Amino acid sequence: MSGHAAVKKMVDKTVRLLASSGELELALPECEKGLGHVIGAPASKDLIDGVRIQALPVHPDDRGYFVEVQRIGHGLAAGFPAETSQIAAAMSYAGAVKAFHYHLHQTDCWTPVKGLLQVALADLRVGSPTFGQRNTFYIGPMRSWQVLIPPGVAHGYKVIGREDAVLVYMTDHFYNPQDEGRIPYNDPSINYDWETQRK
């Protein structure tokens, strides 16, 4: 049985279909409770298919720090069309959880610029080689990574520590509420563990 056929058979029996558009079909996998793969390097072999990471240089001095968030036509978002791209920022209070969202068409490019985020991703794409896989990243100015999140990958985050966080994100489409799906942060299928890990 081919990989796609095996995943399709698994989806038909064990998961709930969420949405579809064209060739993209999304479903909720059945995951064991946990974090999935904790990603410690931008080139990790455990990245969800299509997710990309780029380290950004941070320039600190005695007044604070500077980081270049985006240069149109360069970096992870180089292919984003200028006529439909949007750049926004979200401030979240310490301890806040914002999860989960997914898109059928939109690609996100995230850059945390203040605070520390625990970013959680889950691959919902039926037929993806990483369907059902979860990734966790701990990112912010101490680990200045930019993350590209393709359509069909559920995404969310928790603000870690006592400092509020600011996330700057660029999308390749203007905001469209019809393209945004939501899944509760504590969905039992994704089964993501938001608790502090007592290691």
N, C-alpha and C. Protein backbone atom coordinates (compact mmCIF):
# COMPACT_ATOMS: atom_id res chain seq x y z
N MET A 1 0.85 -1.19 0.00
CA MET A 1 0.00 0.00 0.00
C MET A 1 0.89 1.24 0.00
N SER A 2 0.60 2.20 -0.86
CA SER A 2 1.41 3.43 -0.92
C SER A 2 1.23 4.23 0.36
N GLY A 3 2.17 5.15 0.60
CA GLY A 3 2.10 6.01 1.79
C GLY A 3 0.81 6.81 1.82
N HIS A 4 0.43 7.39 0.67
CA HIS A 4 -0.80 8.20 0.61
C HIS A 4 -2.02 7.32 0.89
N ALA A 5 -2.06 6.11 0.31
CA ALA A 5 -3.20 5.23 0.51
C ALA A 5 -3.30 4.81 1.98
N ALA A 6 -2.14 4.56 2.60
CA ALA A 6 -2.14 4.16 4.01
C ALA A 6 -2.67 5.29 4.88
N VAL A 7 -2.23 6.51 4.61
CA VAL A 7 -2.72 7.66 5.39
C VAL A 7 -4.21 7.85 5.16
N LYS A 8 -4.64 7.74 3.90
CA LYS A 8 -6.06 7.91 3.57
C LYS A 8 -6.91 6.87 4.31
N LYS A 9 -6.44 5.61 4.34
CA LYS A 9 -7.16 4.56 5.06
C LYS A 9 -7.22 4.90 6.54
N MET A 10 -6.10 5.37 7.11
CA MET A 10 -6.07 5.74 8.52
C MET A 10 -7.05 6.88 8.78
N VAL A 11 -7.06 7.88 7.88
CA VAL A 11 -7.95 9.03 8.05
C VAL A 11 -9.41 8.60 8.02
N ASP A 12 -9.75 7.72 7.09
CA ASP A 12 -11.13 7.28 6.96
C ASP A 12 -11.62 6.60 8.24
N LYS A 13 -10.72 5.94 8.97
CA LYS A 13 -11.13 5.16 10.14
C LYS A 13 -10.98 5.89 11.46
N THR A 14 -9.98 6.76 11.60
CA THR A 14 -9.64 7.21 12.95
C THR A 14 -9.68 8.72 13.18
N VAL A 15 -9.88 9.52 12.17
CA VAL A 15 -9.83 10.96 12.40
C VAL A 15 -11.05 11.66 11.80
N ARG A 16 -11.24 12.90 12.25
CA ARG A 16 -12.36 13.71 11.75
C ARG A 16 -11.87 14.62 10.64
N LEU A 17 -12.52 14.59 9.51
CA LEU A 17 -12.19 15.52 8.43
C LEU A 17 -12.65 16.92 8.84
N LEU A 18 -11.80 17.91 8.57
CA LEU A 18 -12.09 19.29 8.97
C LEU A 18 -12.58 20.15 7.82
N ALA A 19 -11.79 20.17 6.74
CA ALA A 19 -12.06 21.10 5.64
C ALA A 19 -11.28 20.64 4.42
N SER A 20 -11.67 21.18 3.27
CA SER A 20 -10.90 20.89 2.06
C SER A 20 -11.08 22.04 1.08
N SER A 21 -10.10 22.15 0.20
CA SER A 21 -10.13 23.15 -0.87
C SER A 21 -9.21 22.66 -1.96
N GLY A 22 -9.77 22.39 -3.13
CA GLY A 22 -8.95 21.86 -4.21
C GLY A 22 -8.35 20.53 -3.79
N GLU A 23 -7.04 20.41 -3.89
CA GLU A 23 -6.36 19.16 -3.52
C GLU A 23 -6.02 19.08 -2.04
N LEU A 24 -6.19 20.18 -1.30
CA LEU A 24 -5.84 20.19 0.13
C LEU A 24 -7.01 19.72 0.96
N GLU A 25 -6.80 18.62 1.67
CA GLU A 25 -7.81 18.07 2.56
C GLU A 25 -7.21 18.01 3.96
N LEU A 26 -7.95 18.54 4.95
CA LEU A 26 -7.45 18.61 6.32
C LEU A 26 -8.28 17.73 7.23
N ALA A 27 -7.58 17.07 8.17
CA ALA A 27 -8.24 16.21 9.14
C ALA A 27 -7.51 16.30 10.46
N LEU A 28 -8.24 15.99 11.54
CA LEU A 28 -7.62 15.95 12.86
C LEU A 28 -7.03 14.56 13.09
N PRO A 29 -5.72 14.49 13.35
CA PRO A 29 -5.11 13.20 13.66
C PRO A 29 -5.42 12.80 15.10
N GLU A 30 -5.11 11.58 15.45
CA GLU A 30 -5.22 11.12 16.83
C GLU A 30 -3.81 11.02 17.39
N CYS A 31 -3.42 11.94 18.26
CA CYS A 31 -2.06 12.01 18.79
C CYS A 31 -2.03 11.62 20.27
N GLU A 32 -0.91 11.05 20.67
CA GLU A 32 -0.67 10.82 22.09
C GLU A 32 -0.40 12.17 22.75
N LYS A 33 -0.71 12.29 24.02
CA LYS A 33 -0.45 13.55 24.73
C LYS A 33 1.04 13.84 24.72
N GLY A 34 1.39 15.09 24.41
CA GLY A 34 2.79 15.46 24.40
C GLY A 34 3.06 16.71 23.58
N LEU A 35 4.33 16.94 23.30
CA LEU A 35 4.80 18.12 22.58
C LEU A 35 5.14 17.81 21.13
N GLY A 36 5.18 16.53 20.77
CA GLY A 36 5.69 16.18 19.46
C GLY A 36 7.20 16.32 19.46
N HIS A 37 7.77 16.67 18.31
CA HIS A 37 9.21 16.86 18.20
C HIS A 37 9.56 18.28 18.65
N VAL A 38 10.44 18.40 19.65
CA VAL A 38 10.94 19.71 20.06
C VAL A 38 12.11 20.04 19.13
N ILE A 39 11.98 21.13 18.41
CA ILE A 39 12.95 21.49 17.38
C ILE A 39 14.04 22.38 17.98
N GLY A 40 15.29 21.93 17.88
CA GLY A 40 16.41 22.65 18.46
C GLY A 40 17.35 23.25 17.45
N ALA A 41 17.10 23.02 16.15
CA ALA A 41 17.97 23.56 15.10
C ALA A 41 17.14 23.85 13.86
N PRO A 42 17.43 24.93 13.13
CA PRO A 42 16.64 25.27 11.95
C PRO A 42 16.60 24.19 10.87
N ALA A 43 17.62 23.35 10.79
CA ALA A 43 17.66 22.30 9.77
C ALA A 43 17.26 20.94 10.32
N SER A 44 16.50 20.90 11.40
CA SER A 44 16.11 19.64 12.03
C SER A 44 15.40 18.71 11.04
N LYS A 45 15.73 17.44 11.09
CA LYS A 45 15.08 16.44 10.24
C LYS A 45 13.65 16.16 10.72
N ASP A 46 13.29 16.65 11.90
CA ASP A 46 11.96 16.40 12.46
C ASP A 46 10.95 17.50 12.15
N LEU A 47 11.32 18.47 11.31
CA LEU A 47 10.38 19.53 10.96
C LEU A 47 9.21 18.97 10.16
N ILE A 48 8.03 19.48 10.42
CA ILE A 48 6.86 19.17 9.60
C ILE A 48 7.16 19.59 8.17
N ASP A 49 6.73 18.77 7.21
CA ASP A 49 6.97 19.03 5.79
C ASP A 49 6.47 20.43 5.40
N GLY A 50 7.33 21.22 4.80
CA GLY A 50 6.98 22.57 4.34
C GLY A 50 7.22 23.67 5.35
N VAL A 51 7.39 23.31 6.63
CA VAL A 51 7.73 24.31 7.66
C VAL A 51 9.21 24.63 7.50
N ARG A 52 9.53 25.91 7.52
CA ARG A 52 10.93 26.33 7.37
C ARG A 52 11.28 27.31 8.47
N ILE A 53 12.55 27.28 8.87
CA ILE A 53 13.05 28.16 9.93
C ILE A 53 14.28 28.89 9.41
N GLN A 54 14.37 30.14 9.78
CA GLN A 54 15.57 30.93 9.47
C GLN A 54 15.97 31.71 10.71
N ALA A 55 17.23 31.59 11.08
CA ALA A 55 17.74 32.37 12.20
C ALA A 55 17.95 33.81 11.75
N LEU A 56 17.55 34.75 12.59
CA LEU A 56 17.72 36.17 12.28
C LEU A 56 18.78 36.76 13.22
N PRO A 57 19.67 37.58 12.71
CA PRO A 57 20.64 38.21 13.60
C PRO A 57 20.00 39.27 14.48
N VAL A 58 20.37 39.25 15.76
CA VAL A 58 19.94 40.27 16.71
C VAL A 58 21.15 41.13 17.03
N HIS A 59 20.96 42.44 16.99
CA HIS A 59 22.06 43.38 17.22
C HIS A 59 21.82 44.13 18.53
N PRO A 60 22.37 43.60 19.65
CA PRO A 60 22.18 44.28 20.93
C PRO A 60 23.26 45.33 21.16
N ASP A 61 22.92 46.34 21.95
CA ASP A 61 23.91 47.29 22.45
C ASP A 61 23.42 47.81 23.80
N ASP A 62 24.04 48.86 24.31
CA ASP A 62 23.69 49.33 25.64
C ASP A 62 22.34 50.06 25.70
N ARG A 63 21.66 50.20 24.57
CA ARG A 63 20.34 50.83 24.53
C ARG A 63 19.20 49.83 24.35
N GLY A 64 19.54 48.59 23.95
CA GLY A 64 18.52 47.59 23.68
C GLY A 64 18.98 46.67 22.57
N TYR A 65 18.08 46.32 21.65
CA TYR A 65 18.49 45.48 20.53
C TYR A 65 17.70 45.86 19.28
N PHE A 66 18.24 45.45 18.13
CA PHE A 66 17.62 45.67 16.82
C PHE A 66 17.58 44.34 16.09
N VAL A 67 16.45 44.06 15.44
CA VAL A 67 16.35 42.88 14.58
C VAL A 67 15.55 43.28 13.34
N GLU A 68 16.05 42.90 12.18
CA GLU A 68 15.32 43.15 10.93
C GLU A 68 14.29 42.06 10.77
N VAL A 69 13.02 42.44 10.77
CA VAL A 69 11.93 41.47 10.75
C VAL A 69 11.67 40.96 9.34
N GLN A 70 11.59 41.83 8.37
CA GLN A 70 11.23 41.39 7.03
C GLN A 70 11.82 42.33 5.99
N ARG A 71 12.29 41.77 4.92
CA ARG A 71 12.71 42.54 3.75
C ARG A 71 11.94 41.96 2.57
N ILE A 72 11.08 42.77 1.97
CA ILE A 72 10.19 42.28 0.91
C ILE A 72 11.03 41.66 -0.22
N GLY A 73 10.63 40.45 -0.63
CA GLY A 73 11.32 39.75 -1.71
C GLY A 73 12.54 38.96 -1.26
N HIS A 74 12.77 38.88 0.05
CA HIS A 74 13.94 38.17 0.57
C HIS A 74 13.52 37.23 1.69
N GLY A 75 14.39 36.29 2.02
CA GLY A 75 14.18 35.41 3.17
C GLY A 75 13.05 34.41 2.97
N LEU A 76 12.49 33.95 4.07
CA LEU A 76 11.45 32.92 4.02
C LEU A 76 10.22 33.37 3.25
N ALA A 77 9.91 34.65 3.31
CA ALA A 77 8.70 35.16 2.64
C ALA A 77 9.01 35.77 1.27
N ALA A 78 10.12 35.38 0.66
CA ALA A 78 10.53 35.97 -0.62
C ALA A 78 9.46 35.83 -1.70
N GLY A 79 8.70 34.74 -1.67
CA GLY A 79 7.69 34.51 -2.69
C GLY A 79 6.34 35.12 -2.40
N PHE A 80 6.19 35.82 -1.27
CA PHE A 80 4.90 36.42 -0.95
C PHE A 80 4.63 37.57 -1.92
N PRO A 81 3.46 37.61 -2.55
CA PRO A 81 3.15 38.70 -3.49
C PRO A 81 2.91 40.03 -2.78
N ALA A 82 3.59 41.06 -3.23
CA ALA A 82 3.49 42.37 -2.58
C ALA A 82 2.05 42.90 -2.57
N GLU A 83 1.28 42.58 -3.61
CA GLU A 83 -0.06 43.15 -3.72
C GLU A 83 -1.08 42.53 -2.77
N THR A 84 -0.80 41.36 -2.19
CA THR A 84 -1.76 40.75 -1.27
C THR A 84 -1.16 40.41 0.10
N SER A 85 0.09 40.75 0.32
CA SER A 85 0.72 40.41 1.60
C SER A 85 0.34 41.43 2.67
N GLN A 86 0.36 40.98 3.89
CA GLN A 86 -0.03 41.81 5.03
C GLN A 86 0.95 41.56 6.16
N ILE A 87 1.34 42.62 6.87
CA ILE A 87 2.20 42.51 8.05
C ILE A 87 1.42 43.04 9.24
N ALA A 88 1.39 42.25 10.31
CA ALA A 88 0.64 42.62 11.51
C ALA A 88 1.45 42.23 12.74
N ALA A 89 0.98 42.67 13.89
CA ALA A 89 1.64 42.32 15.15
C ALA A 89 0.57 41.99 16.18
N ALA A 90 0.90 41.04 17.05
CA ALA A 90 0.00 40.66 18.13
C ALA A 90 0.77 40.73 19.45
N MET A 91 0.22 41.45 20.42
CA MET A 91 0.79 41.47 21.77
C MET A 91 -0.04 40.52 22.61
N SER A 92 0.64 39.65 23.36
CA SER A 92 -0.05 38.68 24.21
C SER A 92 0.52 38.76 25.62
N TYR A 93 -0.35 38.71 26.61
CA TYR A 93 0.07 38.78 28.00
C TYR A 93 0.78 37.49 28.44
N ALA A 94 1.63 37.62 29.42
CA ALA A 94 2.35 36.47 29.97
C ALA A 94 1.36 35.36 30.34
N GLY A 95 1.68 34.14 29.93
CA GLY A 95 0.85 32.99 30.23
C GLY A 95 -0.29 32.74 29.25
N ALA A 96 -0.56 33.68 28.35
CA ALA A 96 -1.66 33.52 27.40
C ALA A 96 -1.37 32.38 26.42
N VAL A 97 -2.43 31.65 26.06
CA VAL A 97 -2.36 30.63 25.03
C VAL A 97 -3.26 31.07 23.89
N LYS A 98 -2.72 31.10 22.67
CA LYS A 98 -3.51 31.39 21.48
C LYS A 98 -3.35 30.20 20.54
N ALA A 99 -4.36 29.34 20.51
CA ALA A 99 -4.26 28.13 19.69
C ALA A 99 -5.65 27.50 19.58
N PHE A 100 -5.86 26.75 18.54
CA PHE A 100 -5.08 26.55 17.32
C PHE A 100 -5.82 27.22 16.17
N HIS A 101 -5.07 27.68 15.16
CA HIS A 101 -5.63 28.22 13.93
C HIS A 101 -5.06 27.40 12.77
N TYR A 102 -5.79 27.40 11.66
CA TYR A 102 -5.24 26.82 10.42
C TYR A 102 -5.85 27.56 9.24
N HIS A 103 -5.20 27.44 8.09
CA HIS A 103 -5.65 28.09 6.87
C HIS A 103 -5.63 27.09 5.72
N LEU A 104 -6.52 27.27 4.77
CA LEU A 104 -6.53 26.46 3.56
C LEU A 104 -5.67 27.08 2.46
N HIS A 105 -5.48 28.40 2.50
CA HIS A 105 -4.75 29.09 1.44
C HIS A 105 -3.57 29.91 1.96
N GLN A 106 -3.69 30.47 3.12
CA GLN A 106 -2.71 31.44 3.62
C GLN A 106 -1.46 30.77 4.19
N THR A 107 -0.30 31.36 3.86
CA THR A 107 0.97 31.00 4.48
C THR A 107 1.35 32.11 5.44
N ASP A 108 1.82 31.73 6.64
CA ASP A 108 2.25 32.69 7.66
C ASP A 108 3.77 32.67 7.77
N CYS A 109 4.34 33.82 8.08
CA CYS A 109 5.76 33.91 8.40
C CYS A 109 5.86 34.66 9.73
N TRP A 110 6.23 33.94 10.80
CA TRP A 110 6.21 34.48 12.16
C TRP A 110 7.59 34.92 12.61
N THR A 111 7.64 36.09 13.26
CA THR A 111 8.86 36.57 13.88
C THR A 111 8.53 37.10 15.27
N PRO A 112 8.89 36.37 16.34
CA PRO A 112 8.68 36.92 17.68
C PRO A 112 9.75 37.96 17.98
N VAL A 113 9.33 39.12 18.49
CA VAL A 113 10.29 40.20 18.72
C VAL A 113 10.40 40.60 20.20
N LYS A 114 9.52 40.08 21.04
CA LYS A 114 9.58 40.38 22.47
C LYS A 114 8.98 39.20 23.23
N GLY A 115 9.62 38.82 24.31
CA GLY A 115 9.12 37.72 25.11
C GLY A 115 9.55 36.38 24.54
N LEU A 116 9.13 35.32 25.18
CA LEU A 116 9.47 33.96 24.78
C LEU A 116 8.18 33.21 24.46
N LEU A 117 8.13 32.60 23.28
CA LEU A 117 6.95 31.86 22.85
C LEU A 117 7.25 30.37 22.78
N GLN A 118 6.30 29.58 23.24
CA GLN A 118 6.29 28.15 22.97
C GLN A 118 5.33 27.97 21.80
N VAL A 119 5.88 27.75 20.62
CA VAL A 119 5.08 27.62 19.41
C VAL A 119 4.77 26.15 19.19
N ALA A 120 3.50 25.86 18.91
CA ALA A 120 3.05 24.49 18.65
C ALA A 120 2.45 24.42 17.25
N LEU A 121 2.91 23.43 16.49
CA LEU A 121 2.40 23.19 15.14
C LEU A 121 1.91 21.75 15.05
N ALA A 122 0.89 21.52 14.22
CA ALA A 122 0.38 20.17 13.97
C ALA A 122 0.00 20.06 12.50
N ASP A 123 0.48 19.02 11.84
CA ASP A 123 0.21 18.82 10.42
C ASP A 123 -1.15 18.16 10.25
N LEU A 124 -2.09 18.88 9.64
CA LEU A 124 -3.45 18.39 9.43
C LEU A 124 -3.68 17.91 8.00
N ARG A 125 -2.67 17.97 7.15
CA ARG A 125 -2.83 17.73 5.71
C ARG A 125 -2.86 16.23 5.40
N VAL A 126 -4.02 15.74 4.98
CA VAL A 126 -4.15 14.35 4.58
C VAL A 126 -3.22 14.12 3.37
N GLY A 127 -2.42 13.08 3.44
CA GLY A 127 -1.49 12.78 2.35
C GLY A 127 -0.12 13.38 2.54
N SER A 128 0.04 14.27 3.52
CA SER A 128 1.36 14.84 3.81
C SER A 128 2.25 13.74 4.40
N PRO A 129 3.55 13.74 4.06
CA PRO A 129 4.43 12.73 4.66
C PRO A 129 4.58 12.89 6.17
N THR A 130 4.16 14.05 6.69
CA THR A 130 4.26 14.27 8.14
C THR A 130 2.87 14.46 8.77
N PHE A 131 1.82 13.95 8.11
CA PHE A 131 0.46 14.08 8.66
C PHE A 131 0.44 13.59 10.11
N GLY A 132 -0.15 14.40 11.00
CA GLY A 132 -0.28 14.04 12.40
C GLY A 132 0.93 14.39 13.25
N GLN A 133 2.00 14.81 12.62
CA GLN A 133 3.21 15.16 13.39
C GLN A 133 3.03 16.53 14.03
N ARG A 134 3.61 16.69 15.24
CA ARG A 134 3.60 17.97 15.94
C ARG A 134 5.03 18.45 16.14
N ASN A 135 5.21 19.76 16.08
CA ASN A 135 6.50 20.41 16.36
C ASN A 135 6.31 21.41 17.47
N THR A 136 7.34 21.56 18.30
CA THR A 136 7.38 22.59 19.33
C THR A 136 8.67 23.38 19.17
N PHE A 137 8.56 24.72 19.23
CA PHE A 137 9.72 25.62 19.17
C PHE A 137 9.66 26.55 20.38
N TYR A 138 10.78 26.86 20.97
CA TYR A 138 10.87 27.90 21.99
C TYR A 138 11.66 29.03 21.36
N ILE A 139 10.96 30.11 21.01
CA ILE A 139 11.61 31.17 20.23
C ILE A 139 11.27 32.56 20.77
N GLY A 140 12.14 33.48 20.48
CA GLY A 140 12.03 34.87 20.90
C GLY A 140 13.40 35.50 20.72
N PRO A 141 13.64 36.67 21.28
CA PRO A 141 14.95 37.32 21.10
C PRO A 141 16.14 36.47 21.57
N MET A 142 15.92 35.56 22.53
CA MET A 142 17.02 34.68 22.95
C MET A 142 17.31 33.61 21.91
N ARG A 143 16.31 33.26 21.12
CA ARG A 143 16.47 32.34 19.99
C ARG A 143 15.67 32.96 18.86
N SER A 144 16.33 33.84 18.13
CA SER A 144 15.66 34.67 17.13
C SER A 144 15.47 33.89 15.83
N TRP A 145 14.39 33.12 15.80
CA TRP A 145 14.04 32.33 14.62
C TRP A 145 12.78 32.91 13.99
N GLN A 146 12.78 32.90 12.67
CA GLN A 146 11.58 33.20 11.91
C GLN A 146 11.03 31.86 11.42
N VAL A 147 9.71 31.68 11.46
CA VAL A 147 9.10 30.39 11.12
C VAL A 147 8.07 30.58 10.01
N LEU A 148 8.22 29.81 8.94
CA LEU A 148 7.26 29.81 7.83
C LEU A 148 6.30 28.65 8.04
N ILE A 149 4.98 28.95 8.05
CA ILE A 149 3.95 27.95 8.33
C ILE A 149 3.03 27.84 7.11
N PRO A 150 3.07 26.71 6.41
CA PRO A 150 2.26 26.58 5.20
C PRO A 150 0.78 26.30 5.50
N PRO A 151 -0.08 26.45 4.49
CA PRO A 151 -1.50 26.10 4.67
C PRO A 151 -1.64 24.65 5.13
N GLY A 152 -2.63 24.43 5.99
CA GLY A 152 -2.91 23.08 6.45
C GLY A 152 -2.14 22.67 7.69
N VAL A 153 -1.25 23.53 8.17
CA VAL A 153 -0.52 23.24 9.40
C VAL A 153 -1.13 24.10 10.52
N ALA A 154 -1.75 23.44 11.50
CA ALA A 154 -2.34 24.16 12.63
C ALA A 154 -1.23 24.80 13.45
N HIS A 155 -1.49 26.00 13.97
CA HIS A 155 -0.45 26.73 14.69
C HIS A 155 -1.04 27.48 15.87
N GLY A 156 -0.20 27.63 16.89
CA GLY A 156 -0.59 28.36 18.08
C GLY A 156 0.62 28.56 18.96
N TYR A 157 0.43 29.28 20.06
CA TYR A 157 1.56 29.52 20.95
C TYR A 157 1.09 29.83 22.37
N LYS A 158 2.04 29.70 23.28
CA LYS A 158 1.87 30.09 24.67
C LYS A 158 3.00 31.04 25.01
N VAL A 159 2.69 32.10 25.75
CA VAL A 159 3.71 33.04 26.21
C VAL A 159 4.33 32.47 27.47
N ILE A 160 5.63 32.23 27.43
CA ILE A 160 6.36 31.61 28.53
C ILE A 160 6.99 32.69 29.41
N GLY A 161 7.00 32.48 30.70
CA GLY A 161 7.64 33.41 31.62
C GLY A 161 6.71 34.53 32.05
N ARG A 162 7.30 35.60 32.59
CA ARG A 162 6.51 36.71 33.17
C ARG A 162 6.39 37.92 32.26
N GLU A 163 7.07 37.89 31.12
CA GLU A 163 7.07 39.04 30.23
C GLU A 163 6.01 38.87 29.14
N ASP A 164 5.29 39.95 28.82
CA ASP A 164 4.38 39.93 27.68
C ASP A 164 5.20 39.69 26.41
N ALA A 165 4.53 39.23 25.36
CA ALA A 165 5.23 38.90 24.12
C ALA A 165 4.62 39.66 22.95
N VAL A 166 5.45 39.93 21.94
CA VAL A 166 4.98 40.54 20.70
C VAL A 166 5.43 39.65 19.55
N LEU A 167 4.47 39.26 18.73
CA LEU A 167 4.72 38.45 17.54
C LEU A 167 4.38 39.29 16.32
N VAL A 168 5.36 39.45 15.43
CA VAL A 168 5.13 40.12 14.15
C VAL A 168 4.97 39.02 13.10
N TYR A 169 3.92 39.12 12.31
CA TYR A 169 3.73 38.07 11.31
C TYR A 169 3.32 38.67 9.98
N MET A 170 3.85 38.05 8.93
CA MET A 170 3.53 38.43 7.56
C MET A 170 2.76 37.28 6.94
N THR A 171 1.72 37.60 6.18
CA THR A 171 0.94 36.59 5.49
C THR A 171 0.94 36.88 3.99
N ASP A 172 0.78 35.84 3.19
CA ASP A 172 0.81 36.04 1.74
C ASP A 172 -0.55 36.40 1.17
N HIS A 173 -1.58 36.48 2.02
CA HIS A 173 -2.92 36.93 1.62
C HIS A 173 -3.42 37.92 2.66
N PHE A 174 -4.26 38.85 2.23
CA PHE A 174 -4.95 39.70 3.19
C PHE A 174 -5.83 38.82 4.08
N TYR A 175 -6.09 39.28 5.30
CA TYR A 175 -6.90 38.51 6.23
C TYR A 175 -8.27 38.20 5.62
N ASN A 176 -8.65 36.93 5.69
CA ASN A 176 -9.93 36.48 5.18
C ASN A 176 -10.51 35.51 6.20
N PRO A 177 -11.56 35.92 6.93
CA PRO A 177 -12.11 35.04 7.97
C PRO A 177 -12.61 33.71 7.43
N GLN A 178 -12.99 33.64 6.13
CA GLN A 178 -13.44 32.38 5.55
C GLN A 178 -12.29 31.38 5.37
N ASP A 179 -11.05 31.88 5.40
CA ASP A 179 -9.89 31.00 5.22
C ASP A 179 -9.30 30.56 6.56
N GLU A 180 -9.84 31.02 7.66
CA GLU A 180 -9.28 30.70 8.97
C GLU A 180 -10.17 29.72 9.70
N GLY A 181 -9.58 28.58 10.06
CA GLY A 181 -10.29 27.61 10.88
C GLY A 181 -9.71 27.62 12.28
N ARG A 182 -10.51 27.23 13.25
CA ARG A 182 -10.06 27.23 14.65
C ARG A 182 -10.33 25.86 15.27
N ILE A 183 -9.40 25.48 16.12
CA ILE A 183 -9.48 24.24 16.88
C ILE A 183 -9.17 24.61 18.33
N PRO A 184 -9.92 24.12 19.31
CA PRO A 184 -9.61 24.47 20.70
C PRO A 184 -8.18 24.09 21.08
N TYR A 185 -7.57 24.90 21.93
CA TYR A 185 -6.19 24.67 22.36
C TYR A 185 -6.03 23.31 23.02
N ASN A 186 -7.11 22.80 23.62
CA ASN A 186 -7.05 21.54 24.35
C ASN A 186 -7.77 20.41 23.59
N ASP A 187 -7.82 20.51 22.28
CA ASP A 187 -8.49 19.50 21.47
C ASP A 187 -7.90 18.12 21.79
N PRO A 188 -8.74 17.13 22.08
CA PRO A 188 -8.22 15.81 22.47
C PRO A 188 -7.57 15.03 21.34
N SER A 189 -7.80 15.42 20.09
CA SER A 189 -7.15 14.73 18.98
C SER A 189 -5.70 15.20 18.82
N ILE A 190 -5.49 16.51 18.77
CA ILE A 190 -4.13 17.04 18.71
C ILE A 190 -3.41 16.72 20.02
N ASN A 191 -4.14 16.82 21.14
CA ASN A 191 -3.66 16.36 22.44
C ASN A 191 -2.32 17.00 22.83
N TYR A 192 -2.20 18.30 22.57
CA TYR A 192 -0.95 18.99 22.86
C TYR A 192 -0.85 19.31 24.35
N ASP A 193 0.33 19.12 24.91
CA ASP A 193 0.56 19.31 26.34
C ASP A 193 1.08 20.72 26.60
N TRP A 194 0.20 21.63 27.02
CA TRP A 194 0.57 23.02 27.27
C TRP A 194 1.15 23.22 28.67
N GLU A 195 1.13 22.19 29.51
CA GLU A 195 1.64 22.33 30.87
C GLU A 195 3.16 22.50 30.89
N THR A 196 3.65 23.18 31.92
CA THR A 196 5.11 23.29 32.09
C THR A 196 5.69 21.89 32.26
N GLN A 197 6.73 21.62 31.51
CA GLN A 197 7.34 20.29 31.55
C GLN A 197 8.25 20.17 32.76
N ARG A 198 7.90 19.29 33.67
CA ARG A 198 8.66 19.13 34.92
C ARG A 198 9.73 18.07 34.71
N LYS A 199 10.86 18.49 34.17
CA LYS A 199 11.94 17.54 33.83
C LYS A 199 12.94 17.42 34.95
